[in-house]
Amino acid sequence: AMAGAAAWGPLPLPCLLLLLLPAASAEPQLRFRPPAEAPVRLFTEPELARYDGHQEGQPIYLAVKGVVFDVTSGKEFYGKGAPYNALVGKDSTRGVAKMSLDPADLTHDTTGLTEEELKSLDDIFNNVYKAKYPIVGYTSRRILNEDGSPNLDFKPEDQPHFSIKDEF
């Protein structure tokens, strides 16, 4: 049995190399990204809270699904005293999914949402927020693991056809 175990010993190294290869081959493409792309900005909850529309001259930010959007152009909806102001300065994923401004729903937590609510969330995320507002960064919950280490599966959202559109 010992001899069999020893024969398996060297295997992990080639496996490891195979795991690393795709990443290595993808590397050169990354260098040729257009320079216009802003670096990924990470927002902690207290940082995001500063952009809640209450500070004159400050941008207004809203996070959905861990993606932070600049909704300043929709000030009449998201600014101080505006109908959706409760959503801004935080990750309001649950509220967006449920179309709810209940403070209990103004959270990133999607536990227990129905299929319809999750579909609605994706529709609004893609057709409202991604279509109309520039992405300025991501919540730390989206970029980092629970222990604070970088989440290797993190991928920035693409916004290929982004242009500011009027509110519906």
Protein backbone atom coordinates (compact mmCIF):
# COMPACT_ATOMS: atom_id res chain seq x y z
CA ALA A 1 0.00 0.00 0.00
CA MET A 2 2.92 2.31 0.81
CA ALA A 3 4.38 1.94 -2.68
CA GLY A 4 1.00 2.82 -4.20
CA ALA A 5 0.74 5.94 -2.06
CA ALA A 6 4.26 7.03 -3.01
CA ALA A 7 3.41 6.67 -6.69
CA TRP A 8 0.67 9.23 -6.24
CA GLY A 9 2.99 11.64 -4.45
CA PRO A 10 4.31 13.72 -7.39
CA LEU A 11 0.91 14.15 -9.06
CA PRO A 12 -0.27 17.34 -7.35
CA LEU A 13 2.51 19.43 -8.91
CA PRO A 14 1.48 18.89 -12.57
CA CYS A 15 -2.14 19.40 -11.50
CA LEU A 16 -1.17 22.66 -9.87
CA LEU A 17 0.65 23.76 -13.00
CA LEU A 18 -2.39 22.91 -15.10
CA LEU A 19 -4.53 25.02 -12.78
CA LEU A 20 -2.16 27.95 -13.15
CA LEU A 21 -1.82 27.67 -16.94
CA PRO A 22 -5.19 29.19 -17.95
CA ALA A 23 -4.53 32.17 -15.69
CA ALA A 24 -1.06 32.63 -17.19
CA SER A 25 -2.34 32.47 -20.76
CA ALA A 26 -5.10 35.01 -19.98
CA GLU A 27 -2.57 37.47 -18.60
CA PRO A 28 -1.41 39.15 -21.85
CA GLN A 29 -4.99 40.06 -22.83
CA LEU A 30 -5.42 41.98 -19.59
CA ARG A 31 -2.52 44.28 -20.43
CA PHE A 32 -4.29 45.55 -23.53
CA ARG A 33 -7.44 46.73 -21.80
CA PRO A 34 -8.42 50.24 -22.85
CA PRO A 35 -6.94 52.73 -20.37
CA ALA A 36 -10.35 54.39 -19.94
CA GLU A 37 -11.33 51.64 -17.53
CA ALA A 38 -11.21 52.98 -13.99
CA PRO A 39 -9.55 50.77 -11.39
CA VAL A 40 -11.92 48.65 -9.32
CA ARG A 41 -12.86 50.59 -6.22
CA LEU A 42 -13.83 48.76 -3.07
CA PHE A 43 -16.49 50.28 -0.80
CA THR A 44 -16.91 49.34 2.84
CA GLU A 45 -20.36 49.92 4.36
CA PRO A 46 -19.30 53.15 6.16
CA GLU A 47 -17.75 54.50 2.94
CA LEU A 48 -20.85 53.76 0.91
CA ALA A 49 -22.99 55.41 3.59
CA ARG A 50 -21.28 58.76 2.87
CA TYR A 51 -22.90 58.88 -0.56
CA ASP A 52 -26.52 58.85 0.62
CA GLY A 53 -27.58 62.07 -1.12
CA HIS A 54 -27.56 64.16 2.05
CA GLN A 55 -24.27 65.93 1.33
CA GLU A 56 -24.66 68.80 -1.16
CA GLY A 57 -22.26 68.38 -4.10
CA GLN A 58 -21.41 64.77 -3.24
CA PRO A 59 -22.29 62.02 -5.72
CA ILE A 60 -25.12 59.64 -4.81
CA TYR A 61 -24.26 55.93 -4.81
CA LEU A 62 -26.46 52.87 -4.59
CA ALA A 63 -25.32 49.24 -4.52
CA VAL A 64 -27.29 46.36 -6.02
CA LYS A 65 -25.87 42.82 -5.97
CA GLY A 66 -22.63 44.27 -4.60
CA VAL A 67 -22.17 46.61 -7.59
CA VAL A 68 -21.95 50.31 -6.70
CA PHE A 69 -23.71 52.62 -9.18
CA ASP A 70 -23.45 56.40 -9.39
CA VAL A 71 -27.13 57.43 -9.47
CA THR A 72 -26.44 61.17 -9.15
CA SER A 73 -28.05 61.80 -12.56
CA GLY A 74 -31.29 60.47 -11.01
CA LYS A 75 -31.14 63.00 -8.15
CA GLU A 76 -34.89 63.66 -8.33
CA PHE A 77 -35.42 59.98 -7.50
CA TYR A 78 -32.48 59.28 -5.20
CA GLY A 79 -31.51 62.62 -3.66
CA LYS A 80 -32.34 63.91 -0.18
CA GLY A 81 -36.12 63.85 0.34
CA ALA A 82 -36.67 62.03 -2.99
CA PRO A 83 -38.90 58.93 -3.22
CA TYR A 84 -36.09 56.36 -3.45
CA ASN A 85 -33.57 58.07 -1.17
CA ALA A 86 -33.93 55.19 1.34
CA LEU A 87 -32.15 52.90 -1.17
CA VAL A 88 -28.94 54.91 -1.51
CA GLY A 89 -25.72 54.84 0.50
CA LYS A 90 -26.03 51.08 1.00
CA ASP A 91 -26.47 47.76 -0.76
CA SER A 92 -30.26 47.62 -1.25
CA THR A 93 -30.41 44.39 -3.26
CA ARG A 94 -33.30 42.92 -1.26
CA GLY A 95 -35.32 46.14 -1.43
CA VAL A 96 -34.85 46.33 -5.20
CA ALA A 97 -35.90 42.67 -5.60
CA LYS A 98 -39.02 43.14 -3.49
CA MET A 99 -39.75 46.70 -4.68
CA SER A 100 -39.71 47.56 -1.01
CA LEU A 101 -38.46 50.60 0.89
CA ASP A 102 -39.01 48.87 4.23
CA PRO A 103 -35.80 49.43 6.25
CA ALA A 104 -35.70 45.68 6.97
CA ASP A 105 -35.37 45.04 3.22
CA LEU A 106 -32.57 47.56 2.61
CA THR A 107 -29.85 44.93 2.75
CA HIS A 108 -27.62 42.85 0.48
CA ASP A 109 -29.23 39.70 1.91
CA THR A 110 -31.32 37.80 -0.66
CA THR A 111 -32.14 34.82 1.59
CA GLY A 112 -35.68 33.53 1.06
CA LEU A 113 -36.55 35.66 -1.97
CA THR A 114 -39.00 34.03 -4.39
CA GLU A 115 -38.13 33.08 -7.99
CA GLU A 116 -40.17 36.06 -9.22
CA GLU A 117 -38.34 38.45 -6.90
CA LEU A 118 -34.95 37.13 -8.02
CA LYS A 119 -35.96 37.47 -11.68
CA SER A 120 -37.25 40.98 -11.04
CA LEU A 121 -33.94 41.79 -9.32
CA ASP A 122 -31.96 40.66 -12.36
CA ASP A 123 -34.22 42.57 -14.75
CA ILE A 124 -33.91 45.81 -12.78
CA PHE A 125 -30.18 45.28 -12.26
CA ASN A 126 -29.55 44.84 -16.00
CA ASN A 127 -32.21 47.06 -17.57
CA VAL A 128 -32.28 49.93 -15.12
CA TYR A 129 -29.06 50.19 -13.14
CA LYS A 130 -26.52 48.71 -15.56
CA ALA A 131 -28.23 50.38 -18.52
CA LYS A 132 -28.46 53.87 -17.02
CA TYR A 133 -25.88 54.45 -14.30
CA PRO A 134 -22.10 54.15 -14.37
CA ILE A 135 -20.48 51.54 -12.14
CA VAL A 136 -18.07 53.20 -9.70
CA GLY A 137 -17.01 50.15 -7.70
CA TYR A 138 -18.06 47.15 -5.67
CA THR A 139 -18.93 46.47 -2.07
CA SER A 140 -16.24 44.79 -0.01
CA ARG A 141 -18.67 41.87 0.40
CA ARG A 142 -18.51 41.33 -3.37
CA ILE A 143 -14.70 41.63 -3.73
CA LEU A 144 -13.53 39.99 -0.51
CA ASN A 145 -14.19 36.69 1.21
CA GLU A 146 -15.58 36.58 4.77
CA ASP A 147 -12.02 36.43 6.16
CA GLY A 148 -10.98 39.56 4.26
CA SER A 149 -8.90 37.73 1.66
CA PRO A 150 -9.47 38.63 -2.02
CA ASN A 151 -12.25 36.66 -3.71
CA LEU A 152 -10.52 35.03 -6.67
CA ASP A 153 -13.84 34.47 -8.44
CA PHE A 154 -14.57 38.21 -8.52
CA LYS A 155 -15.27 39.50 -12.02
CA PRO A 156 -16.13 43.13 -12.73
CA GLU A 157 -19.47 43.69 -14.45
CA ASP A 158 -19.21 44.70 -18.08
CA GLN A 159 -21.02 47.83 -19.24
CA PRO A 160 -20.26 47.73 -22.96
CA HIS A 161 -23.17 49.85 -24.19
CA PHE A 162 -23.22 52.32 -21.39
CA SER A 163 -24.78 55.68 -22.07
CA ILE A 164 -26.71 57.94 -19.72
CA LYS A 165 -30.39 57.60 -20.51
CA ASP A 166 -33.27 59.58 -19.12
CA GLU A 167 -35.26 58.13 -16.27
CA PHE A 168 -38.31 56.26 -17.56
